All heavy atoms as atom14 arrays in JSON, in Angstrom:
{
  "sequence": "AFEFAGFHIAGSISLNSGDFLILKNPKTEKRVLDPDLDQIVERLAKRG",
  "atom14_mask": [
    [1, 1, 1, 1, 1, 0, 0, 0, 0, 0, 0, 0, 0, 0],
    [1, 1, 1, 1, 1, 1, 1, 1, 1, 1, 1, 0, 0, 0],
    [1, 1, 1, 1, 1, 1, 1, 1, 1, 0, 0, 0, 0, 0],
    [1, 1, 1, 1, 1, 1, 1, 1, 1, 1, 1, 0, 0, 0],
    [1, 1, 1, 1, 1, 0, 0, 0, 0, 0, 0, 0, 0, 0],
    [1, 1, 1, 1, 0, 0, 0, 0, 0, 0, 0, 0, 0, 0],
    [1, 1, 1, 1, 1, 1, 1, 1, 1, 1, 1, 0, 0, 0],
    [1, 1, 1, 1, 1, 1, 1, 1, 1, 1, 0, 0, 0, 0],
    [1, 1, 1, 1, 1, 1, 1, 1, 0, 0, 0, 0, 0, 0],
    [1, 1, 1, 1, 1, 0, 0, 0, 0, 0, 0, 0, 0, 0],
    [1, 1, 1, 1, 0, 0, 0, 0, 0, 0, 0, 0, 0, 0],
    [1, 1, 1, 1, 1, 1, 0, 0, 0, 0, 0, 0, 0, 0],
    [1, 1, 1, 1, 1, 1, 1, 1, 0, 0, 0, 0, 0, 0],
    [1, 1, 1, 1, 1, 1, 0, 0, 0, 0, 0, 0, 0, 0],
    [1, 1, 1, 1, 1, 1, 1, 1, 0, 0, 0, 0, 0, 0],
    [1, 1, 1, 1, 1, 1, 1, 1, 0, 0, 0, 0, 0, 0],
    [1, 1, 1, 1, 1, 1, 0, 0, 0, 0, 0, 0, 0, 0],
    [1, 1, 1, 1, 0, 0, 0, 0, 0, 0, 0, 0, 0, 0],
    [1, 1, 1, 1, 1, 1, 1, 1, 0, 0, 0, 0, 0, 0],
    [1, 1, 1, 1, 1, 1, 1, 1, 1, 1, 1, 0, 0, 0],
    [1, 1, 1, 1, 1, 1, 1, 1, 0, 0, 0, 0, 0, 0],
    [1, 1, 1, 1, 1, 1, 1, 1, 0, 0, 0, 0, 0, 0],
    [1, 1, 1, 1, 1, 1, 1, 1, 0, 0, 0, 0, 0, 0],
    [1, 1, 1, 1, 1, 1, 1, 1, 1, 0, 0, 0, 0, 0],
    [1, 1, 1, 1, 1, 1, 1, 1, 0, 0, 0, 0, 0, 0],
    [1, 1, 1, 1, 1, 1, 1, 0, 0, 0, 0, 0, 0, 0],
    [1, 1, 1, 1, 1, 1, 1, 1, 1, 0, 0, 0, 0, 0],
    [1, 1, 1, 1, 1, 1, 1, 0, 0, 0, 0, 0, 0, 0],
    [1, 1, 1, 1, 1, 1, 1, 1, 1, 0, 0, 0, 0, 0],
    [1, 1, 1, 1, 1, 1, 1, 1, 1, 0, 0, 0, 0, 0],
    [1, 1, 1, 1, 1, 1, 1, 1, 1, 1, 1, 0, 0, 0],
    [1, 1, 1, 1, 1, 1, 1, 0, 0, 0, 0, 0, 0, 0],
    [1, 1, 1, 1, 1, 1, 1, 1, 0, 0, 0, 0, 0, 0],
    [1, 1, 1, 1, 1, 1, 1, 1, 0, 0, 0, 0, 0, 0],
    [1, 1, 1, 1, 1, 1, 1, 0, 0, 0, 0, 0, 0, 0],
    [1, 1, 1, 1, 1, 1, 1, 1, 0, 0, 0, 0, 0, 0],
    [1, 1, 1, 1, 1, 1, 1, 1, 0, 0, 0, 0, 0, 0],
    [1, 1, 1, 1, 1, 1, 1, 1, 0, 0, 0, 0, 0, 0],
    [1, 1, 1, 1, 1, 1, 1, 1, 1, 0, 0, 0, 0, 0],
    [1, 1, 1, 1, 1, 1, 1, 1, 0, 0, 0, 0, 0, 0],
    [1, 1, 1, 1, 1, 1, 1, 0, 0, 0, 0, 0, 0, 0],
    [1, 1, 1, 1, 1, 1, 1, 1, 1, 0, 0, 0, 0, 0],
    [1, 1, 1, 1, 1, 1, 1, 1, 1, 1, 1, 0, 0, 0],
    [1, 1, 1, 1, 1, 1, 1, 1, 0, 0, 0, 0, 0, 0],
    [1, 1, 1, 1, 1, 0, 0, 0, 0, 0, 0, 0, 0, 0],
    [1, 1, 1, 1, 1, 1, 1, 1, 1, 0, 0, 0, 0, 0],
    [1, 1, 1, 1, 1, 1, 1, 1, 1, 1, 1, 0, 0, 0],
    [1, 1, 1, 1, 0, 0, 0, 0, 0, 0, 0, 0, 0, 0]
  ],
  "atom14_positions": [
    [[-26.52, 43.73, -12.84], [-25.24, 43.14, -12.5], [-24.68, 43.67, -11.16], [-23.99, 42.81, -10.49], [-24.22, 43.53, -13.6], [0.0, 0.0, 0.0], [0.0, 0.0, 0.0], [0.0, 0.0, 0.0], [0.0, 0.0, 0.0], [0.0, 0.0, 0.0], [0.0, 0.0, 0.0], [0.0, 0.0, 0.0], [0.0, 0.0, 0.0], [0.0, 0.0, 0.0]],
    [[-24.9, 44.77, -10.79], [-24.53, 45.4, -9.52], [-25.31, 44.6, -8.27], [-24.62, 44.21, -7.41], [-24.86, 46.9, -9.4], [-24.39, 47.56, -8.14], [-23.14, 47.85, -7.82], [-25.47, 47.7, -7.16], [-22.86, 48.36, -6.68], [-25.05, 48.4, -5.97], [-23.75, 48.7, -5.74], [0.0, 0.0, 0.0], [0.0, 0.0, 0.0], [0.0, 0.0, 0.0]],
    [[-26.62, 44.39, -8.48], [-27.24, 43.67, -7.48], [-26.75, 42.29, -7.39], [-26.61, 41.64, -6.25], [-28.75, 43.67, -7.68], [-29.47, 45.01, -7.45], [-30.88, 44.95, -7.9], [-31.06, 44.73, -9.1], [-31.76, 45.34, -7.08], [0.0, 0.0, 0.0], [0.0, 0.0, 0.0], [0.0, 0.0, 0.0], [0.0, 0.0, 0.0], [0.0, 0.0, 0.0]],
    [[-26.62, 41.66, -8.53], [-26.1, 40.26, -8.45], [-24.63, 40.08, -7.87], [-24.36, 39.18, -7.06], [-26.03, 39.71, -10.04], [-25.49, 38.25, -9.99], [-26.56, 37.27, -9.92], [-24.32, 37.99, -10.38], [-26.09, 35.91, -10.03], [-23.82, 36.66, -10.51], [-24.78, 35.6, -10.39], [0.0, 0.0, 0.0], [0.0, 0.0, 0.0], [0.0, 0.0, 0.0]],
    [[-23.8, 41.03, -8.24], [-22.41, 41.03, -7.64], [-22.47, 41.19, -6.12], [-21.67, 40.58, -5.41], [-21.6, 42.1, -8.34], [0.0, 0.0, 0.0], [0.0, 0.0, 0.0], [0.0, 0.0, 0.0], [0.0, 0.0, 0.0], [0.0, 0.0, 0.0], [0.0, 0.0, 0.0], [0.0, 0.0, 0.0], [0.0, 0.0, 0.0], [0.0, 0.0, 0.0]],
    [[-23.44, 41.99, -5.68], [-23.5, 42.32, -4.16], [-24.04, 41.24, -3.41], [-23.63, 40.95, -2.27], [0.0, 0.0, 0.0], [0.0, 0.0, 0.0], [0.0, 0.0, 0.0], [0.0, 0.0, 0.0], [0.0, 0.0, 0.0], [0.0, 0.0, 0.0], [0.0, 0.0, 0.0], [0.0, 0.0, 0.0], [0.0, 0.0, 0.0], [0.0, 0.0, 0.0]],
    [[-25.07, 40.42, -4.0], [-25.76, 39.36, -3.2], [-26.48, 38.57, -4.16], [-27.36, 39.08, -4.94], [-26.67, 40.03, -2.21], [-27.24, 39.02, -1.28], [-26.51, 38.54, -0.24], [-28.65, 38.68, -1.46], [-27.12, 37.67, 0.69], [-29.1, 37.6, -0.58], [-28.46, 37.2, 0.38], [0.0, 0.0, 0.0], [0.0, 0.0, 0.0], [0.0, 0.0, 0.0]],
    [[-26.2, 37.25, -4.21], [-27.04, 36.36, -5.07], [-27.11, 35.0, -4.49], [-26.39, 34.67, -3.55], [-26.36, 36.38, -6.5], [-24.98, 35.77, -6.65], [-23.91, 36.59, -6.41], [-24.59, 34.56, -6.86], [-22.83, 35.84, -6.5], [-23.26, 34.57, -6.78], [0.0, 0.0, 0.0], [0.0, 0.0, 0.0], [0.0, 0.0, 0.0], [0.0, 0.0, 0.0]],
    [[-27.88, 34.12, -5.05], [-28.0, 32.8, -4.6], [-26.96, 31.9, -5.28], [-26.71, 32.02, -6.47], [-29.4, 32.29, -5.05], [-30.45, 33.18, -4.32], [-29.61, 30.8, -4.68], [-31.9, 32.86, -4.64], [0.0, 0.0, 0.0], [0.0, 0.0, 0.0], [0.0, 0.0, 0.0], [0.0, 0.0, 0.0], [0.0, 0.0, 0.0], [0.0, 0.0, 0.0]],
    [[-26.27, 31.15, -4.44], [-25.19, 30.37, -5.04], [-25.65, 29.52, -6.13], [-26.74, 28.84, -5.88], [-24.62, 29.47, -3.87], [0.0, 0.0, 0.0], [0.0, 0.0, 0.0], [0.0, 0.0, 0.0], [0.0, 0.0, 0.0], [0.0, 0.0, 0.0], [0.0, 0.0, 0.0], [0.0, 0.0, 0.0], [0.0, 0.0, 0.0], [0.0, 0.0, 0.0]],
    [[-24.93, 29.34, -7.16], [-25.25, 28.54, -8.29], [-26.16, 29.18, -9.3], [-26.49, 28.63, -10.42], [0.0, 0.0, 0.0], [0.0, 0.0, 0.0], [0.0, 0.0, 0.0], [0.0, 0.0, 0.0], [0.0, 0.0, 0.0], [0.0, 0.0, 0.0], [0.0, 0.0, 0.0], [0.0, 0.0, 0.0], [0.0, 0.0, 0.0], [0.0, 0.0, 0.0]],
    [[-26.63, 30.39, -9.04], [-27.44, 31.13, -10.04], [-26.56, 31.8, -11.03], [-25.38, 32.01, -10.78], [-28.34, 32.2, -9.41], [-27.64, 33.25, -8.74], [0.0, 0.0, 0.0], [0.0, 0.0, 0.0], [0.0, 0.0, 0.0], [0.0, 0.0, 0.0], [0.0, 0.0, 0.0], [0.0, 0.0, 0.0], [0.0, 0.0, 0.0], [0.0, 0.0, 0.0]],
    [[-27.13, 32.08, -12.13], [-26.48, 32.76, -13.24], [-27.15, 34.13, -13.49], [-28.3, 34.33, -13.18], [-26.38, 32.09, -14.54], [-27.82, 31.75, -15.05], [-25.68, 30.7, -14.37], [-27.84, 31.33, -16.55], [0.0, 0.0, 0.0], [0.0, 0.0, 0.0], [0.0, 0.0, 0.0], [0.0, 0.0, 0.0], [0.0, 0.0, 0.0], [0.0, 0.0, 0.0]],
    [[-26.43, 35.06, -13.9], [-26.98, 36.45, -14.23], [-27.19, 36.73, -15.69], [-26.29, 36.33, -16.48], [-25.99, 37.47, -13.65], [-26.47, 38.8, -13.89], [0.0, 0.0, 0.0], [0.0, 0.0, 0.0], [0.0, 0.0, 0.0], [0.0, 0.0, 0.0], [0.0, 0.0, 0.0], [0.0, 0.0, 0.0], [0.0, 0.0, 0.0], [0.0, 0.0, 0.0]],
    [[-28.4, 37.05, -16.03], [-28.64, 37.43, -17.37], [-29.23, 38.88, -17.46], [-30.21, 39.12, -16.7], [-29.66, 36.52, -17.98], [-29.24, 35.13, -18.45], [-30.33, 34.4, -19.13], [-27.98, 35.19, -19.37], [0.0, 0.0, 0.0], [0.0, 0.0, 0.0], [0.0, 0.0, 0.0], [0.0, 0.0, 0.0], [0.0, 0.0, 0.0], [0.0, 0.0, 0.0]],
    [[-28.67, 39.65, -18.34], [-29.21, 41.07, -18.52], [-29.59, 41.16, -19.96], [-28.72, 40.91, -20.83], [-28.05, 41.99, -18.0], [-28.65, 43.33, -18.08], [-28.96, 43.94, -19.03], [-28.73, 44.02, -16.91], [0.0, 0.0, 0.0], [0.0, 0.0, 0.0], [0.0, 0.0, 0.0], [0.0, 0.0, 0.0], [0.0, 0.0, 0.0], [0.0, 0.0, 0.0]],
    [[-30.79, 41.69, -20.2], [-31.23, 41.82, -21.61], [-30.25, 42.73, -22.36], [-30.03, 42.44, -23.67], [-32.69, 42.25, -21.71], [-32.72, 43.52, -21.2], [0.0, 0.0, 0.0], [0.0, 0.0, 0.0], [0.0, 0.0, 0.0], [0.0, 0.0, 0.0], [0.0, 0.0, 0.0], [0.0, 0.0, 0.0], [0.0, 0.0, 0.0], [0.0, 0.0, 0.0]],
    [[-29.73, 43.77, -21.73], [-28.75, 44.61, -22.53], [-27.63, 43.95, -23.14], [-27.0, 44.46, -24.06], [0.0, 0.0, 0.0], [0.0, 0.0, 0.0], [0.0, 0.0, 0.0], [0.0, 0.0, 0.0], [0.0, 0.0, 0.0], [0.0, 0.0, 0.0], [0.0, 0.0, 0.0], [0.0, 0.0, 0.0], [0.0, 0.0, 0.0], [0.0, 0.0, 0.0]],
    [[-27.2, 42.88, -22.49], [-26.01, 42.08, -23.09], [-26.33, 41.29, -24.27], [-25.36, 40.81, -25.01], [-25.55, 41.09, -21.99], [-24.98, 41.65, -20.77], [-24.62, 42.98, -20.78], [-24.96, 41.07, -19.65], [0.0, 0.0, 0.0], [0.0, 0.0, 0.0], [0.0, 0.0, 0.0], [0.0, 0.0, 0.0], [0.0, 0.0, 0.0], [0.0, 0.0, 0.0]],
    [[-27.61, 41.22, -24.77], [-28.0, 40.57, -25.9], [-28.54, 41.54, -26.98], [-29.2, 41.02, -27.97], [-29.0, 39.43, -25.53], [-28.46, 38.36, -24.7], [-28.13, 38.5, -23.36], [-28.0, 37.12, -25.36], [-27.6, 37.39, -22.62], [-27.54, 36.14, -24.61], [-27.3, 36.29, -23.25], [0.0, 0.0, 0.0], [0.0, 0.0, 0.0], [0.0, 0.0, 0.0]],
    [[-28.41, 42.75, -26.64], [-28.86, 43.76, -27.66], [-27.69, 44.4, -28.41], [-26.58, 44.51, -27.89], [-29.64, 44.83, -27.01], [-30.92, 44.51, -26.14], [-31.46, 45.61, -25.35], [-31.87, 43.93, -27.07], [0.0, 0.0, 0.0], [0.0, 0.0, 0.0], [0.0, 0.0, 0.0], [0.0, 0.0, 0.0], [0.0, 0.0, 0.0], [0.0, 0.0, 0.0]],
    [[-27.93, 44.83, -29.69], [-26.89, 45.49, -30.44], [-27.36, 46.86, -30.77], [-28.64, 47.1, -30.87], [-26.51, 44.74, -31.63], [-27.62, 44.4, -32.52], [-25.79, 43.39, -31.29], [-27.2, 43.78, -33.9], [0.0, 0.0, 0.0], [0.0, 0.0, 0.0], [0.0, 0.0, 0.0], [0.0, 0.0, 0.0], [0.0, 0.0, 0.0], [0.0, 0.0, 0.0]],
    [[-26.44, 47.77, -31.04], [-26.82, 49.15, -31.39], [-27.21, 49.24, -32.87], [-26.3, 48.8, -33.81], [-25.65, 50.03, -31.11], [-25.9, 51.58, -31.26], [-26.9, 52.06, -30.3], [-24.59, 52.27, -31.09], [0.0, 0.0, 0.0], [0.0, 0.0, 0.0], [0.0, 0.0, 0.0], [0.0, 0.0, 0.0], [0.0, 0.0, 0.0], [0.0, 0.0, 0.0]],
    [[-28.44, 49.54, -33.16], [-28.96, 49.56, -34.51], [-28.68, 50.93, -35.12], [-28.36, 51.03, -36.34], [-30.44, 49.17, -34.58], [-30.94, 49.08, -36.04], [-32.37, 48.64, -36.08], [-32.91, 48.68, -37.44], [-34.17, 48.16, -37.58], [0.0, 0.0, 0.0], [0.0, 0.0, 0.0], [0.0, 0.0, 0.0], [0.0, 0.0, 0.0], [0.0, 0.0, 0.0]],
    [[-28.97, 51.99, -34.3], [-28.85, 53.29, -34.84], [-28.09, 54.11, -33.76], [-28.71, 54.48, -32.79], [-30.25, 54.01, -35.15], [-30.09, 55.26, -35.77], [-29.17, 55.97, -35.72], [-31.24, 55.7, -36.47], [0.0, 0.0, 0.0], [0.0, 0.0, 0.0], [0.0, 0.0, 0.0], [0.0, 0.0, 0.0], [0.0, 0.0, 0.0], [0.0, 0.0, 0.0]],
    [[-26.84, 54.46, -34.07], [-26.07, 55.28, -33.05], [-26.65, 56.67, -32.77], [-26.51, 57.12, -31.72], [-24.68, 55.39, -33.72], [-24.58, 54.44, -34.74], [-25.99, 54.12, -35.24], [0.0, 0.0, 0.0], [0.0, 0.0, 0.0], [0.0, 0.0, 0.0], [0.0, 0.0, 0.0], [0.0, 0.0, 0.0], [0.0, 0.0, 0.0], [0.0, 0.0, 0.0]],
    [[-27.37, 57.27, -33.76], [-27.87, 58.6, -33.55], [-29.09, 58.6, -32.51], [-29.2, 59.4, -31.67], [-28.32, 59.21, -34.9], [-27.24, 59.52, -35.86], [-27.77, 60.19, -37.14], [-26.6, 60.54, -38.09], [-27.03, 61.13, -39.21], [0.0, 0.0, 0.0], [0.0, 0.0, 0.0], [0.0, 0.0, 0.0], [0.0, 0.0, 0.0], [0.0, 0.0, 0.0]],
    [[-29.89, 57.6, -32.62], [-30.94, 57.5, -31.77], [-30.82, 56.61, -30.65], [-31.55, 56.43, -29.67], [-32.28, 57.0, -32.44], [-32.05, 55.64, -32.95], [-32.65, 57.89, -33.59], [0.0, 0.0, 0.0], [0.0, 0.0, 0.0], [0.0, 0.0, 0.0], [0.0, 0.0, 0.0], [0.0, 0.0, 0.0], [0.0, 0.0, 0.0], [0.0, 0.0, 0.0]],
    [[-29.58, 55.92, -30.66], [-29.21, 54.94, -29.65], [-30.21, 53.8, -29.59], [-30.43, 53.21, -28.48], [-29.0, 55.63, -28.23], [-27.89, 56.61, -28.26], [-27.49, 57.21, -26.92], [-27.95, 56.6, -25.84], [-26.87, 58.1, -26.89], [0.0, 0.0, 0.0], [0.0, 0.0, 0.0], [0.0, 0.0, 0.0], [0.0, 0.0, 0.0], [0.0, 0.0, 0.0]],
    [[-30.87, 53.48, -30.62], [-31.79, 52.37, -30.64], [-31.06, 51.05, -30.64], [-30.11, 50.76, -31.48], [-32.69, 52.49, -31.9], [-33.7, 51.43, -31.99], [-34.62, 51.61, -33.3], [-35.65, 50.52, -33.29], [-36.59, 50.77, -34.38], [0.0, 0.0, 0.0], [0.0, 0.0, 0.0], [0.0, 0.0, 0.0], [0.0, 0.0, 0.0], [0.0, 0.0, 0.0]],
    [[-31.51, 50.11, -29.8], [-30.92, 48.82, -29.7], [-31.99, 47.77, -30.0], [-33.17, 47.91, -29.74], [-30.42, 48.62, -28.24], [-29.31, 49.59, -27.93], [-28.77, 49.31, -26.6], [-27.66, 50.27, -26.21], [-26.46, 50.37, -26.62], [-25.98, 49.37, -27.46], [-25.65, 51.27, -26.36], [0.0, 0.0, 0.0], [0.0, 0.0, 0.0], [0.0, 0.0, 0.0]],
    [[-31.51, 46.67, -30.64], [-32.36, 45.57, -31.04], [-31.72, 44.36, -30.66], [-30.5, 44.24, -30.41], [-32.65, 45.57, -32.51], [-33.28, 46.8, -33.04], [-31.39, 45.42, -33.32], [0.0, 0.0, 0.0], [0.0, 0.0, 0.0], [0.0, 0.0, 0.0], [0.0, 0.0, 0.0], [0.0, 0.0, 0.0], [0.0, 0.0, 0.0], [0.0, 0.0, 0.0]],
    [[-32.56, 43.27, -30.53], [-31.95, 41.91, -30.25], [-31.04, 41.53, -31.42], [-31.21, 41.75, -32.51], [-33.09, 40.86, -30.23], [-32.78, 39.42, -29.95], [-32.21, 39.33, -28.49], [-33.91, 38.58, -30.02], [0.0, 0.0, 0.0], [0.0, 0.0, 0.0], [0.0, 0.0, 0.0], [0.0, 0.0, 0.0], [0.0, 0.0, 0.0], [0.0, 0.0, 0.0]],
    [[-29.86, 41.0, -30.93], [-28.93, 40.5, -31.84], [-29.63, 39.47, -32.71], [-30.11, 38.48, -32.3], [-27.83, 39.8, -31.1], [-26.66, 39.31, -32.02], [-26.87, 39.17, -33.25], [-25.6, 38.94, -31.42], [0.0, 0.0, 0.0], [0.0, 0.0, 0.0], [0.0, 0.0, 0.0], [0.0, 0.0, 0.0], [0.0, 0.0, 0.0], [0.0, 0.0, 0.0]],
    [[-29.6, 39.68, -34.15], [-30.32, 38.87, -35.02], [-29.65, 37.41, -35.21], [-30.32, 36.55, -35.85], [-30.37, 39.55, -36.33], [-29.12, 40.45, -36.35], [-29.06, 40.82, -34.78], [0.0, 0.0, 0.0], [0.0, 0.0, 0.0], [0.0, 0.0, 0.0], [0.0, 0.0, 0.0], [0.0, 0.0, 0.0], [0.0, 0.0, 0.0], [0.0, 0.0, 0.0]],
    [[-28.53, 37.33, -34.62], [-27.77, 35.91, -34.72], [-28.35, 34.92, -33.63], [-27.64, 34.92, -32.54], [-26.41, 36.1, -34.67], [-25.55, 34.78, -34.9], [-26.25, 33.71, -35.01], [-24.37, 34.81, -34.95], [0.0, 0.0, 0.0], [0.0, 0.0, 0.0], [0.0, 0.0, 0.0], [0.0, 0.0, 0.0], [0.0, 0.0, 0.0], [0.0, 0.0, 0.0]],
    [[-29.58, 34.45, -33.81], [-30.2, 33.7, -32.78], [-29.36, 32.38, -32.37], [-29.42, 31.93, -31.18], [-31.58, 33.32, -33.15], [-32.58, 34.49, -33.26], [-34.0, 34.03, -33.69], [-32.63, 35.25, -31.97], [0.0, 0.0, 0.0], [0.0, 0.0, 0.0], [0.0, 0.0, 0.0], [0.0, 0.0, 0.0], [0.0, 0.0, 0.0], [0.0, 0.0, 0.0]],
    [[-28.63, 31.86, -33.34], [-27.81, 30.72, -33.1], [-26.75, 31.09, -32.08], [-26.44, 30.27, -31.16], [-27.13, 30.11, -34.47], [-28.14, 29.53, -35.34], [-29.23, 29.0, -34.79], [-27.91, 29.45, -36.48], [0.0, 0.0, 0.0], [0.0, 0.0, 0.0], [0.0, 0.0, 0.0], [0.0, 0.0, 0.0], [0.0, 0.0, 0.0], [0.0, 0.0, 0.0]],
    [[-26.27, 32.26, -32.15], [-25.09, 32.64, -31.23], [-25.78, 32.88, -29.88], [-25.22, 32.57, -28.8], [-24.45, 33.89, -31.87], [-23.36, 34.42, -30.89], [-23.64, 35.72, -30.16], [-24.78, 36.31, -30.28], [-22.72, 36.22, -29.43], [0.0, 0.0, 0.0], [0.0, 0.0, 0.0], [0.0, 0.0, 0.0], [0.0, 0.0, 0.0], [0.0, 0.0, 0.0]],
    [[-27.0, 33.46, -29.86], [-27.71, 33.67, -28.57], [-27.88, 32.3, -27.96], [-27.75, 32.1, -26.66], [-29.01, 34.39, -28.73], [-28.7, 35.88, -29.17], [-29.88, 34.29, -27.52], [-29.87, 36.67, -29.5], [0.0, 0.0, 0.0], [0.0, 0.0, 0.0], [0.0, 0.0, 0.0], [0.0, 0.0, 0.0], [0.0, 0.0, 0.0], [0.0, 0.0, 0.0]],
    [[-28.42, 31.34, -28.65], [-28.66, 29.94, -28.06], [-27.37, 29.42, -27.62], [-27.31, 28.83, -26.43], [-29.24, 29.06, -29.22], [-29.31, 27.56, -28.72], [-30.67, 29.52, -29.37], [0.0, 0.0, 0.0], [0.0, 0.0, 0.0], [0.0, 0.0, 0.0], [0.0, 0.0, 0.0], [0.0, 0.0, 0.0], [0.0, 0.0, 0.0], [0.0, 0.0, 0.0]],
    [[-26.23, 29.62, -28.25], [-25.0, 29.12, -27.91], [-24.5, 29.77, -26.42], [-24.11, 29.05, -25.64], [-23.98, 29.42, -28.9], [-22.53, 28.84, -28.55], [-21.53, 29.03, -29.66], [-21.91, 29.14, -30.93], [-20.35, 29.24, -29.35], [0.0, 0.0, 0.0], [0.0, 0.0, 0.0], [0.0, 0.0, 0.0], [0.0, 0.0, 0.0], [0.0, 0.0, 0.0]],
    [[-24.78, 31.02, -26.43], [-24.48, 31.69, -25.13], [-25.31, 31.28, -23.96], [-24.76, 31.09, -22.85], [-24.62, 33.23, -25.31], [-23.57, 33.88, -26.22], [-23.89, 35.34, -26.45], [-23.77, 36.18, -25.13], [-24.17, 37.35, -25.17], [-24.68, 37.98, -26.27], [-23.97, 38.05, -24.08], [0.0, 0.0, 0.0], [0.0, 0.0, 0.0], [0.0, 0.0, 0.0]],
    [[-26.57, 30.99, -24.2], [-27.49, 30.5, -23.17], [-27.1, 28.98, -22.83], [-27.08, 28.72, -21.6], [-28.98, 30.53, -23.57], [-29.47, 32.0, -23.8], [-30.86, 31.92, -24.46], [-29.48, 32.81, -22.52], [0.0, 0.0, 0.0], [0.0, 0.0, 0.0], [0.0, 0.0, 0.0], [0.0, 0.0, 0.0], [0.0, 0.0, 0.0], [0.0, 0.0, 0.0]],
    [[-26.8, 28.21, -23.82], [-26.29, 26.89, -23.57], [-25.13, 26.75, -22.74], [-24.96, 25.93, -21.83], [-26.17, 26.16, -24.93], [0.0, 0.0, 0.0], [0.0, 0.0, 0.0], [0.0, 0.0, 0.0], [0.0, 0.0, 0.0], [0.0, 0.0, 0.0], [0.0, 0.0, 0.0], [0.0, 0.0, 0.0], [0.0, 0.0, 0.0], [0.0, 0.0, 0.0]],
    [[-24.13, 27.72, -22.92], [-22.91, 27.77, -22.19], [-23.24, 28.04, -20.68], [-22.44, 27.61, -19.83], [-22.01, 28.71, -22.71], [-21.24, 28.33, -23.92], [-20.24, 29.42, -24.33], [-19.52, 29.01, -25.67], [-18.6, 30.01, -26.13], [0.0, 0.0, 0.0], [0.0, 0.0, 0.0], [0.0, 0.0, 0.0], [0.0, 0.0, 0.0], [0.0, 0.0, 0.0]],
    [[-24.38, 28.67, -20.31], [-24.72, 29.0, -19.09], [-25.74, 27.95, -18.49], [-26.25, 28.09, -17.45], [-25.38, 30.36, -19.01], [-24.4, 31.4, -19.27], [-25.09, 32.76, -19.24], [-24.06, 33.83, -19.32], [-24.24, 34.99, -19.93], [-25.38, 35.21, -20.47], [-23.25, 35.84, -19.91], [0.0, 0.0, 0.0], [0.0, 0.0, 0.0], [0.0, 0.0, 0.0]],
    [[-25.94, 26.78, -19.33], [-26.64, 25.74, -18.72], [-28.19, 25.69, -19.12], [-28.91, 25.01, -18.62], [0.0, 0.0, 0.0], [0.0, 0.0, 0.0], [0.0, 0.0, 0.0], [0.0, 0.0, 0.0], [0.0, 0.0, 0.0], [0.0, 0.0, 0.0], [0.0, 0.0, 0.0], [0.0, 0.0, 0.0], [0.0, 0.0, 0.0], [0.0, 0.0, 0.0]]
  ]
}
C-alpha cells in the first residue's frame, strides 16, 4: 500500500492479500483466507 500510494499507474487498483485474511488463532497469529467467498467476490466486483 505504501508503494501504491507513492507512485502508481492511473486507473490501477491496489490489492493486498493481507486485506482478505482473517485472524484464525490470536496466540500464533495465524491468518487464513476469509471463508466467506461470496463477500470476497463482492469486494473484487466493486473494484471492477
